[in-house]
Amino acid sequence: MELEIKKKRKRKLQMMTGFISFIIGLLALAVLNMGLLIETMDIPELFLFPLPFLGVFLGVVGLITKNRSKQFAWWGIGINLFIPIFIGLMFGLSWTINAKP
């Protein structure tokens, strides 16, 4: 009788979700920085809220994976959460400026 060797199926989607989350965070952060440096008001809304929330979701999925490095998932979640928090703080602080004393 021969010994059967079962091949483990690798789930590519679960392996890549943390890395994709990290890349989405870097891309959204780069677009935000370019918009702030150029001082334009035409930053696409896709890069401010929907894309970072997708990155957070993919990062959480990346944390659930078994026996994989979760470092990219943690970095992706951190960068993607930083963007909406930064925008909210900037709006909140700018509303405290009194232009007409």
PDB file of N, CA and C in Angstrom:
ATOM      1  N   MET A   1       0.841  -1.167   0.000  1.00  0.00           N
ATOM      2  CA  MET A   1       0.000   0.000   0.000  1.00  0.00           C
ATOM      3  C   MET A   1       0.890   1.236   0.000  1.00  0.00           C
ATOM      4  N   GLU A   2       0.530   2.161  -0.843  1.00  0.00           N
ATOM      5  CA  GLU A   2       1.336   3.371  -0.962  1.00  0.00           C
ATOM      6  C   GLU A   2       0.836   4.453  -0.023  1.00  0.00           C
ATOM      7  N   LEU A   3       1.763   5.246   0.408  1.00  0.00           N
ATOM      8  CA  LEU A   3       1.434   6.344   1.311  1.00  0.00           C
ATOM      9  C   LEU A   3       0.997   7.544   0.485  1.00  0.00           C
ATOM     10  N   GLU A   4      -0.185   8.005   0.736  1.00  0.00           N
ATOM     11  CA  GLU A   4      -0.674   9.176   0.012  1.00  0.00           C
ATOM     12  C   GLU A   4      -0.206  10.442   0.706  1.00  0.00           C
ATOM     13  N   ILE A   5       0.234  11.351  -0.087  1.00  0.00           N
ATOM     14  CA  ILE A   5       0.644  12.643   0.446  1.00  0.00           C
ATOM     15  C   ILE A   5      -0.397  13.655   0.017  1.00  0.00           C
ATOM     16  N   LYS A   6      -1.014  14.231   0.984  1.00  0.00           N
ATOM     17  CA  LYS A   6      -2.032  15.240   0.680  1.00  0.00           C
ATOM     18  C   LYS A   6      -1.348  16.585   0.494  1.00  0.00           C
ATOM     19  N   LYS A   7      -1.676  17.193  -0.596  1.00  0.00           N
ATOM     20  CA  LYS A   7      -1.130  18.517  -0.857  1.00  0.00           C
ATOM     21  C   LYS A   7      -2.021  19.557  -0.193  1.00  0.00           C
ATOM     22  N   LYS A   8      -1.378  20.443   0.509  1.00  0.00           N
ATOM     23  CA  LYS A   8      -2.138  21.507   1.154  1.00  0.00           C
ATOM     24  C   LYS A   8      -2.482  22.554   0.117  1.00  0.00           C
ATOM     25  N   ARG A   9      -3.705  22.954   0.148  1.00  0.00           N
ATOM     26  CA  ARG A   9      -4.120  24.040  -0.736  1.00  0.00           C
ATOM     27  C   ARG A   9      -3.743  25.358  -0.094  1.00  0.00           C
ATOM     28  N   LYS A  10      -3.118  26.168  -0.861  1.00  0.00           N
ATOM     29  CA  LYS A  10      -2.779  27.489  -0.346  1.00  0.00           C
ATOM     30  C   LYS A  10      -3.862  28.455  -0.783  1.00  0.00           C
ATOM     31  N   ARG A  11      -4.346  29.164   0.132  1.00  0.00           N
ATOM     32  CA  ARG A  11      -5.364  30.163  -0.182  1.00  0.00           C
ATOM     33  C   ARG A  11      -4.652  31.480  -0.466  1.00  0.00           C
ATOM     34  N   LYS A  12      -4.540  31.779  -1.729  1.00  0.00           N
ATOM     35  CA  LYS A  12      -3.802  32.963  -2.143  1.00  0.00           C
ATOM     36  C   LYS A  12      -4.457  34.248  -1.637  1.00  0.00           C
ATOM     37  N   LEU A  13      -5.789  34.265  -1.620  1.00  0.00           N
ATOM     38  CA  LEU A  13      -6.475  35.478  -1.192  1.00  0.00           C
ATOM     39  C   LEU A  13      -6.165  35.797   0.260  1.00  0.00           C
ATOM     40  N   GLN A  14      -6.200  34.803   1.117  1.00  0.00           N
ATOM     41  CA  GLN A  14      -5.921  35.051   2.526  1.00  0.00           C
ATOM     42  C   GLN A  14      -4.455  35.391   2.755  1.00  0.00           C
ATOM     43  N   MET A  15      -3.577  34.862   1.917  1.00  0.00           N
ATOM     44  CA  MET A  15      -2.163  35.177   2.084  1.00  0.00           C
ATOM     45  C   MET A  15      -1.871  36.620   1.693  1.00  0.00           C
ATOM     46  N   MET A  16      -2.586  37.128   0.720  1.00  0.00           N
ATOM     47  CA  MET A  16      -2.269  38.434   0.167  1.00  0.00           C
ATOM     48  C   MET A  16      -3.069  39.582   0.791  1.00  0.00           C
ATOM     49  N   THR A  17      -4.074  39.300   1.601  1.00  0.00           N
ATOM     50  CA  THR A  17      -4.938  40.377   2.094  1.00  0.00           C
ATOM     51  C   THR A  17      -4.185  41.380   2.957  1.00  0.00           C
ATOM     52  N   GLY A  18      -3.299  40.937   3.815  1.00  0.00           N
ATOM     53  CA  GLY A  18      -2.519  41.865   4.637  1.00  0.00           C
ATOM     54  C   GLY A  18      -1.618  42.733   3.797  1.00  0.00           C
ATOM     55  N   PHE A  19      -0.983  42.137   2.787  1.00  0.00           N
ATOM     56  CA  PHE A  19      -0.097  42.898   1.913  1.00  0.00           C
ATOM     57  C   PHE A  19      -0.889  43.890   1.066  1.00  0.00           C
ATOM     58  N   ILE A  20      -2.045  43.480   0.568  1.00  0.00           N
ATOM     59  CA  ILE A  20      -2.889  44.383  -0.222  1.00  0.00           C
ATOM     60  C   ILE A  20      -3.372  45.538   0.643  1.00  0.00           C
ATOM     61  N   SER A  21      -3.713  45.266   1.891  1.00  0.00           N
ATOM     62  CA  SER A  21      -4.115  46.315   2.821  1.00  0.00           C
ATOM     63  C   SER A  21      -2.991  47.329   3.013  1.00  0.00           C
ATOM     64  N   PHE A  22      -1.778  46.846   3.142  1.00  0.00           N
ATOM     65  CA  PHE A  22      -0.612  47.712   3.303  1.00  0.00           C
ATOM     66  C   PHE A  22      -0.397  48.571   2.055  1.00  0.00           C
ATOM     67  N   ILE A  23      -0.509  47.979   0.886  1.00  0.00           N
ATOM     68  CA  ILE A  23      -0.329  48.717  -0.371  1.00  0.00           C
ATOM     69  C   ILE A  23      -1.427  49.760  -0.544  1.00  0.00           C
ATOM     70  N   ILE A  24      -2.667  49.417  -0.208  1.00  0.00           N
ATOM     71  CA  ILE A  24      -3.773  50.380  -0.300  1.00  0.00           C
ATOM     72  C   ILE A  24      -3.518  51.557   0.635  1.00  0.00           C
ATOM     73  N   GLY A  25      -3.034  51.268   1.844  1.00  0.00           N
ATOM     74  CA  GLY A  25      -2.731  52.336   2.791  1.00  0.00           C
ATOM     75  C   GLY A  25      -1.634  53.259   2.287  1.00  0.00           C
ATOM     76  N   LEU A  26      -0.580  52.688   1.724  1.00  0.00           N
ATOM     77  CA  LEU A  26       0.498  53.521   1.186  1.00  0.00           C
ATOM     78  C   LEU A  26       0.016  54.363   0.010  1.00  0.00           C
ATOM     79  N   LEU A  27      -0.803  53.778  -0.856  1.00  0.00           N
ATOM     80  CA  LEU A  27      -1.328  54.508  -2.004  1.00  0.00           C
ATOM     81  C   LEU A  27      -2.229  55.664  -1.564  1.00  0.00           C
ATOM     82  N   ALA A  28      -3.129  55.397  -0.629  1.00  0.00           N
ATOM     83  CA  ALA A  28      -4.026  56.448  -0.141  1.00  0.00           C
ATOM     84  C   ALA A  28      -3.244  57.542   0.588  1.00  0.00           C
ATOM     85  N   LEU A  29      -2.238  57.163   1.351  1.00  0.00           N
ATOM     86  CA  LEU A  29      -1.412  58.140   2.055  1.00  0.00           C
ATOM     87  C   LEU A  29      -0.608  58.988   1.077  1.00  0.00           C
ATOM     88  N   ALA A  30      -0.110  58.378   0.012  1.00  0.00           N
ATOM     89  CA  ALA A  30       0.636  59.130  -1.003  1.00  0.00           C
ATOM     90  C   ALA A  30      -0.266  60.136  -1.714  1.00  0.00           C
ATOM     91  N   VAL A  31      -1.496  59.737  -2.042  1.00  0.00           N
ATOM     92  CA  VAL A  31      -2.422  60.665  -2.703  1.00  0.00           C
ATOM     93  C   VAL A  31      -2.799  61.808  -1.767  1.00  0.00           C
ATOM     94  N   LEU A  32      -3.014  61.505  -0.498  1.00  0.00           N
ATOM     95  CA  LEU A  32      -3.326  62.548   0.480  1.00  0.00           C
ATOM     96  C   LEU A  32      -2.165  63.527   0.614  1.00  0.00           C
ATOM     97  N   ASN A  33      -0.937  63.020   0.692  1.00  0.00           N
ATOM     98  CA  ASN A  33       0.237  63.888   0.800  1.00  0.00           C
ATOM     99  C   ASN A  33       0.421  64.735  -0.449  1.00  0.00           C
ATOM    100  N   MET A  34       0.218  64.139  -1.628  1.00  0.00           N
ATOM    101  CA  MET A  34       0.344  64.920  -2.862  1.00  0.00           C
ATOM    102  C   MET A  34      -0.698  66.029  -2.910  1.00  0.00           C
ATOM    103  N   GLY A  35      -1.916  65.722  -2.485  1.00  0.00           N
ATOM    104  CA  GLY A  35      -2.961  66.738  -2.463  1.00  0.00           C
ATOM    105  C   GLY A  35      -2.652  67.866  -1.499  1.00  0.00           C
ATOM    106  N   LEU A  36      -2.053  67.541  -0.347  1.00  0.00           N
ATOM    107  CA  LEU A  36      -1.704  68.578   0.621  1.00  0.00           C
ATOM    108  C   LEU A  36      -0.502  69.402   0.164  1.00  0.00           C
ATOM    109  N   LEU A  37       0.452  68.763  -0.497  1.00  0.00           N
ATOM    110  CA  LEU A  37       1.629  69.495  -0.970  1.00  0.00           C
ATOM    111  C   LEU A  37       1.299  70.410  -2.143  1.00  0.00           C
ATOM    112  N   ILE A  38       0.430  69.956  -3.010  1.00  0.00           N
ATOM    113  CA  ILE A  38       0.048  70.778  -4.160  1.00  0.00           C
ATOM    114  C   ILE A  38      -0.978  71.835  -3.753  1.00  0.00           C
ATOM    115  N   GLU A  39      -1.570  71.663  -2.593  1.00  0.00           N
ATOM    116  CA  GLU A  39      -2.604  72.552  -2.062  1.00  0.00           C
ATOM    117  C   GLU A  39      -3.804  72.624  -3.000  1.00  0.00           C
ATOM    118  N   THR A  40      -4.268  71.479  -3.398  1.00  0.00           N
ATOM    119  CA  THR A  40      -5.429  71.408  -4.269  1.00  0.00           C
ATOM    120  C   THR A  40      -6.648  70.954  -3.474  1.00  0.00           C
ATOM    121  N   MET A  41      -7.794  71.296  -3.968  1.00  0.00           N
ATOM    122  CA  MET A  41      -9.036  70.877  -3.333  1.00  0.00           C
ATOM    123  C   MET A  41      -9.650  69.690  -4.065  1.00  0.00           C
ATOM    124  N   ASP A  42      -8.941  69.176  -5.057  1.00  0.00           N
ATOM    125  CA  ASP A  42      -9.475  68.114  -5.899  1.00  0.00           C
ATOM    126  C   ASP A  42      -8.895  66.749  -5.560  1.00  0.00           C
ATOM    127  N   ILE A  43      -8.761  66.440  -4.286  1.00  0.00           N
ATOM    128  CA  ILE A  43      -8.317  65.108  -3.893  1.00  0.00           C
ATOM    129  C   ILE A  43      -9.501  64.169  -4.117  1.00  0.00           C
ATOM    130  N   PRO A  44      -9.317  63.098  -4.873  1.00  0.00           N
ATOM    131  CA  PRO A  44     -10.448  62.190  -5.120  1.00  0.00           C
ATOM    132  C   PRO A  44     -10.989  61.607  -3.826  1.00  0.00           C
ATOM    133  N   GLU A  45     -12.306  61.603  -3.703  1.00  0.00           N
ATOM    134  CA  GLU A  45     -12.945  61.098  -2.482  1.00  0.00           C
ATOM    135  C   GLU A  45     -12.671  59.616  -2.270  1.00  0.00           C
ATOM    136  N   LEU A  46     -12.394  58.891  -3.345  1.00  0.00           N
ATOM    137  CA  LEU A  46     -12.121  57.463  -3.237  1.00  0.00           C
ATOM    138  C   LEU A  46     -10.923  57.197  -2.341  1.00  0.00           C
ATOM    139  N   PHE A  47      -9.920  58.068  -2.377  1.00  0.00           N
ATOM    140  CA  PHE A  47      -8.699  57.851  -1.612  1.00  0.00           C
ATOM    141  C   PHE A  47      -8.818  58.328  -0.168  1.00  0.00           C
ATOM    142  N   LEU A  48      -9.885  59.026   0.176  1.00  0.00           N
ATOM    143  CA  LEU A  48     -10.003  59.558   1.530  1.00  0.00           C
ATOM    144  C   LEU A  48     -10.767  58.639   2.476  1.00  0.00           C
ATOM    145  N   PHE A  49     -11.877  58.060   2.022  1.00  0.00           N
ATOM    146  CA  PHE A  49     -12.654  57.224   2.936  1.00  0.00           C
ATOM    147  C   PHE A  49     -12.916  55.802   2.448  1.00  0.00           C
ATOM    148  N   PRO A  50     -13.460  55.575   1.255  1.00  0.00           N
ATOM    149  CA  PRO A  50     -13.789  54.184   0.888  1.00  0.00           C
ATOM    150  C   PRO A  50     -12.564  53.272   0.768  1.00  0.00           C
ATOM    151  N   LEU A  51     -11.502  53.755   0.175  1.00  0.00           N
ATOM    152  CA  LEU A  51     -10.320  52.916  -0.002  1.00  0.00           C
ATOM    153  C   LEU A  51      -9.638  52.579   1.332  1.00  0.00           C
ATOM    154  N   PRO A  52      -9.465  53.543   2.257  1.00  0.00           N
ATOM    155  CA  PRO A  52      -8.892  53.157   3.554  1.00  0.00           C
ATOM    156  C   PRO A  52      -9.775  52.189   4.356  1.00  0.00           C
ATOM    157  N   PHE A  53     -11.100  52.318   4.248  1.00  0.00           N
ATOM    158  CA  PHE A  53     -11.955  51.377   4.961  1.00  0.00           C
ATOM    159  C   PHE A  53     -11.883  49.984   4.346  1.00  0.00           C
ATOM    160  N   LEU A  54     -11.710  49.914   3.027  1.00  0.00           N
ATOM    161  CA  LEU A  54     -11.469  48.629   2.379  1.00  0.00           C
ATOM    162  C   LEU A  54     -10.142  48.050   2.857  1.00  0.00           C
ATOM    163  N   GLY A  55      -9.138  48.892   3.015  1.00  0.00           N
ATOM    164  CA  GLY A  55      -7.843  48.446   3.524  1.00  0.00           C
ATOM    165  C   GLY A  55      -7.932  47.929   4.949  1.00  0.00           C
ATOM    166  N   VAL A  56      -8.738  48.576   5.782  1.00  0.00           N
ATOM    167  CA  VAL A  56      -8.925  48.092   7.158  1.00  0.00           C
ATOM    168  C   VAL A  56      -9.603  46.730   7.144  1.00  0.00           C
ATOM    169  N   PHE A  57     -10.619  46.569   6.289  1.00  0.00           N
ATOM    170  CA  PHE A  57     -11.309  45.283   6.189  1.00  0.00           C
ATOM    171  C   PHE A  57     -10.350  44.177   5.738  1.00  0.00           C
ATOM    172  N   LEU A  58      -9.554  44.467   4.715  1.00  0.00           N
ATOM    173  CA  LEU A  58      -8.592  43.470   4.237  1.00  0.00           C
ATOM    174  C   LEU A  58      -7.526  43.176   5.289  1.00  0.00           C
ATOM    175  N   GLY A  59      -7.149  44.188   6.073  1.00  0.00           N
ATOM    176  CA  GLY A  59      -6.191  43.968   7.145  1.00  0.00           C
ATOM    177  C   GLY A  59      -6.745  43.068   8.234  1.00  0.00           C
ATOM    178  N   VAL A  60      -8.014  43.240   8.565  1.00  0.00           N
ATOM    179  CA  VAL A  60      -8.646  42.382   9.574  1.00  0.00           C
ATOM    180  C   VAL A  60      -8.730  40.951   9.053  1.00  0.00           C
ATOM    181  N   VAL A  61      -9.061  40.799   7.772  1.00  0.00           N
ATOM    182  CA  VAL A  61      -9.076  39.456   7.178  1.00  0.00           C
ATOM    183  C   VAL A  61      -7.670  38.863   7.202  1.00  0.00           C
ATOM    184  N   GLY A  62      -6.663  39.688   6.972  1.00  0.00           N
ATOM    185  CA  GLY A  62      -5.281  39.221   7.026  1.00  0.00           C
ATOM    186  C   GLY A  62      -4.845  38.796   8.417  1.00  0.00           C
ATOM    187  N   LEU A  63      -5.469  39.357   9.449  1.00  0.00           N
ATOM    188  CA  LEU A  63      -5.141  38.953  10.819  1.00  0.00           C
ATOM    189  C   LEU A  63      -5.723  37.591  11.174  1.00  0.00           C
ATOM    190  N   ILE A  64      -6.783  37.193  10.495  1.00  0.00           N
ATOM    191  CA  ILE A  64      -7.457  35.932  10.804  1.00  0.00           C
ATOM    192  C   ILE A  64      -6.698  34.736  10.241  1.00  0.00           C
ATOM    193  N   THR A  65      -5.844  34.945   9.253  1.00  0.00           N
ATOM    194  CA  THR A  65      -5.157  33.831   8.596  1.00  0.00           C
ATOM    195  C   THR A  65      -4.276  33.072   9.577  1.00  0.00           C
ATOM    196  N   LYS A  66      -4.136  31.792   9.320  1.00  0.00           N
ATOM    197  CA  LYS A  66      -3.354  30.932  10.204  1.00  0.00           C
ATOM    198  C   LYS A  66      -1.942  30.775   9.649  1.00  0.00           C
ATOM    199  N   ASN A  67      -0.992  30.707  10.534  1.00  0.00           N
ATOM    200  CA  ASN A  67       0.405  30.415  10.213  1.00  0.00           C
ATOM    201  C   ASN A  67       0.997  31.350   9.169  1.00  0.00           C
ATOM    202  N   ARG A  68       0.600  32.563   9.160  1.00  0.00           N
ATOM    203  CA  ARG A  68       1.158  33.548   8.239  1.00  0.00           C
ATOM    204  C   ARG A  68       1.615  34.754   9.042  1.00  0.00           C
ATOM    205  N   SER A  69       2.532  35.477   8.485  1.00  0.00           N
ATOM    206  CA  SER A  69       2.994  36.689   9.135  1.00  0.00           C
ATOM    207  C   SER A  69       1.898  37.744   9.068  1.00  0.00           C
ATOM    208  N   LYS A  70       1.634  38.340  10.179  1.00  0.00           N
ATOM    209  CA  LYS A  70       0.563  39.326  10.255  1.00  0.00           C
ATOM    210  C   LYS A  70       1.103  40.760  10.286  1.00  0.00           C
ATOM    211  N   GLN A  71       2.375  40.914  10.009  1.00  0.00           N
ATOM    212  CA  GLN A  71       3.003  42.229  10.097  1.00  0.00           C
ATOM    213  C   GLN A  71       2.424  43.193   9.075  1.00  0.00           C
ATOM    214  N   PHE A  72       2.254  42.759   7.828  1.00  0.00           N
ATOM    215  CA  PHE A  72       1.675  43.638   6.814  1.00  0.00           C
ATOM    216  C   PHE A  72       0.239  44.000   7.164  1.00  0.00           C
ATOM    217  N   ALA A  73      -0.500  43.063   7.748  1.00  0.00           N
ATOM    218  CA  ALA A  73      -1.891  43.337   8.126  1.00  0.00           C
ATOM    219  C   ALA A  73      -1.951  44.420   9.203  1.00  0.00           C
ATOM    220  N   TRP A  74      -1.081  44.322  10.209  1.00  0.00           N
ATOM    221  CA  TRP A  74      -1.073  45.349  11.258  1.00  0.00           C
ATOM    222  C   TRP A  74      -0.680  46.710  10.712  1.00  0.00           C
ATOM    223  N   TRP A  75       0.356  46.745   9.860  1.00  0.00           N
ATOM    224  CA  TRP A  75       0.770  48.018   9.271  1.00  0.00           C
ATOM    225  C   TRP A  75      -0.328  48.576   8.374  1.00  0.00           C
ATOM    226  N   GLY A  76      -0.997  47.727   7.613  1.00  0.00           N
ATOM    227  CA  GLY A  76      -2.088  48.176   6.750  1.00  0.00           C
ATOM    228  C   GLY A  76      -3.229  48.765   7.552  1.00  0.00           C
ATOM    229  N   ILE A  77      -3.598  48.111   8.637  1.00  0.00           N
ATOM    230  CA  ILE A  77      -4.672  48.633   9.487  1.00  0.00           C
ATOM    231  C   ILE A  77      -4.261  49.978  10.082  1.00  0.00           C
ATOM    232  N   GLY A  78      -3.025  50.077  10.550  1.00  0.00           N
ATOM    233  CA  GLY A  78      -2.562  51.331  11.157  1.00  0.00           C
ATOM    234  C   GLY A  78      -2.564  52.491  10.180  1.00  0.00           C
ATOM    235  N   ILE A  79      -2.031  52.273   8.990  1.00  0.00           N
ATOM    236  CA  ILE A  79      -1.976  53.348   7.993  1.00  0.00           C
ATOM    237  C   ILE A  79      -3.374  53.723   7.531  1.00  0.00           C
ATOM    238  N   ASN A  80      -4.216  52.712   7.302  1.00  0.00           N
ATOM    239  CA  ASN A  80      -5.562  52.981   6.808  1.00  0.00           C
ATOM    240  C   ASN A  80      -6.450  53.643   7.861  1.00  0.00           C
ATOM    241  N   LEU A  81      -6.219  53.382   9.132  1.00  0.00           N
ATOM    242  CA  LEU A  81      -6.970  54.086  10.176  1.00  0.00           C
ATOM    243  C   LEU A  81      -6.435  55.492  10.407  1.00  0.00           C
ATOM    244  N   PHE A  82      -5.152  55.702  10.138  1.00  0.00           N
ATOM    245  CA  PHE A  82      -4.559  57.019  10.331  1.00  0.00           C
ATOM    246  C   PHE A  82      -5.200  58.060   9.407  1.00  0.00           C
ATOM    247  N   ILE A  83      -5.520  57.687   8.188  1.00  0.00           N
ATOM    248  CA  ILE A  83      -6.006  58.647   7.196  1.00  0.00           C
ATOM    249  C   ILE A  83      -7.335  59.287   7.613  1.00  0.00           C
ATOM    250  N   PRO A  84      -8.401  58.526   7.956  1.00  0.00           N
ATOM    251  CA  PRO A  84      -9.638  59.193   8.394  1.00  0.00           C
ATOM    252  C   PRO A  84      -9.480  59.951   9.713  1.00  0.00           C
ATOM    253  N   ILE A  85      -8.648  59.431  10.627  1.00  0.00           N
ATOM    254  CA  ILE A  85      -8.421  60.132  11.889  1.00  0.00           C
ATOM    255  C   ILE A  85      -7.724  61.463  11.624  1.00  0.00           C
ATOM    256  N   PHE A  86      -6.728  61.470  10.743  1.00  0.00           N
ATOM    257  CA  PHE A  86      -6.010  62.696  10.389  1.00  0.00           C
ATOM    258  C   PHE A  86      -6.962  63.717   9.768  1.00  0.00           C
ATOM    259  N   ILE A  87      -7.793  63.276   8.835  1.00  0.00           N
ATOM    260  CA  ILE A  87      -8.729  64.194   8.177  1.00  0.00           C
ATOM    261  C   ILE A  87      -9.720  64.754   9.184  1.00  0.00           C
ATOM    262  N   GLY A  88     -10.232  63.900  10.070  1.00  0.00           N
ATOM    263  CA  GLY A  88     -11.166  64.369  11.095  1.00  0.00           C
ATOM    264  C   GLY A  88     -10.530  65.373  12.046  1.00  0.00           C
ATOM    265  N   LEU A  89      -9.302  65.114  12.469  1.00  0.00           N
ATOM    266  CA  LEU A  89      -8.613  66.054  13.356  1.00  0.00           C
ATOM    267  C   LEU A  89      -8.324  67.382  12.661  1.00  0.00           C
ATOM    268  N   MET A  90      -7.944  67.319  11.399  1.00  0.00           N
ATOM    269  CA  MET A  90      -7.655  68.562  10.668  1.00  0.00           C
ATOM    270  C   MET A  90      -8.921  69.406  10.493  1.00  0.00           C
ATOM    271  N   PHE A  91     -10.047  68.758  10.185  1.00  0.00           N
ATOM    272  CA  PHE A  91     -11.298  69.509  10.093  1.00  0.00           C
ATOM    273  C   PHE A  91     -11.696  70.072  11.455  1.00  0.00           C
ATOM    274  N   GLY A  92     -11.564  69.250  12.497  1.00  0.00           N
ATOM    275  CA  GLY A  92     -11.928  69.712  13.837  1.00  0.00           C
ATOM    276  C   GLY A  92     -11.060  70.864  14.306  1.00  0.00           C
ATOM    277  N   LEU A  93      -9.768  70.782  14.080  1.00  0.00           N
ATOM    278  CA  LEU A  93      -8.878  71.870  14.493  1.00  0.00           C
ATOM    279  C   LEU A  93      -9.070  73.126  13.643  1.00  0.00           C
ATOM    280  N   SER A  94      -9.394  72.947  12.374  1.00  0.00           N
ATOM    281  CA  SER A  94      -9.591  74.135  11.531  1.00  0.00           C
ATOM    282  C   SER A  94     -10.885  74.863  11.898  1.00  0.00           C
ATOM    283  N   TRP A  95     -11.858  74.157  12.447  1.00  0.00           N
ATOM    284  CA  TRP A  95     -13.079  74.827  12.874  1.00  0.00           C
ATOM    285  C   TRP A  95     -12.866  75.643  14.147  1.00  0.00           C
ATOM    286  N   THR A  96     -11.789  75.379  14.877  1.00  0.00           N
ATOM    287  CA  THR A  96     -11.539  76.148  16.095  1.00  0.00           C
ATOM    288  C   THR A  96     -10.866  77.476  15.822  1.00  0.00           C
ATOM    289  N   ILE A  97     -10.397  77.697  14.602  1.00  0.00           N
ATOM    290  CA  ILE A  97      -9.747  78.950  14.265  1.00  0.00           C
ATOM    291  C   ILE A  97     -10.830  80.018  14.083  1.00  0.00           C
ATOM    292  N   ASN A  98     -10.685  81.098  14.803  1.00  0.00           N
ATOM    293  CA  ASN A  98     -11.642  82.202  14.699  1.00  0.00           C
ATOM    294  C   ASN A  98     -11.067  83.253  13.762  1.00  0.00           C
ATOM    295  N   ALA A  99     -11.624  83.345  12.566  1.00  0.00           N
ATOM    296  CA  ALA A  99     -11.086  84.283  11.570  1.00  0.00           C
ATOM    297  C   ALA A  99     -11.428  85.729  11.899  1.00  0.00           C
ATOM    298  N   LYS A 100     -12.528  85.951  12.569  1.00  0.00           N
ATOM    299  CA  LYS A 100     -12.942  87.324  12.909  1.00  0.00           C
ATOM    300  C   LYS A 100     -13.001  87.456  14.422  1.00  0.00           C
ATOM    301  N   PRO A 101     -11.943  87.940  15.016  1.00  0.00           N
ATOM    302  CA  PRO A 101     -11.920  88.015  16.482  1.00  0.00           C
ATOM    303  C   PRO A 101     -12.828  89.090  17.052  1.00  0.00           C
TER     304      PRO A 101
END
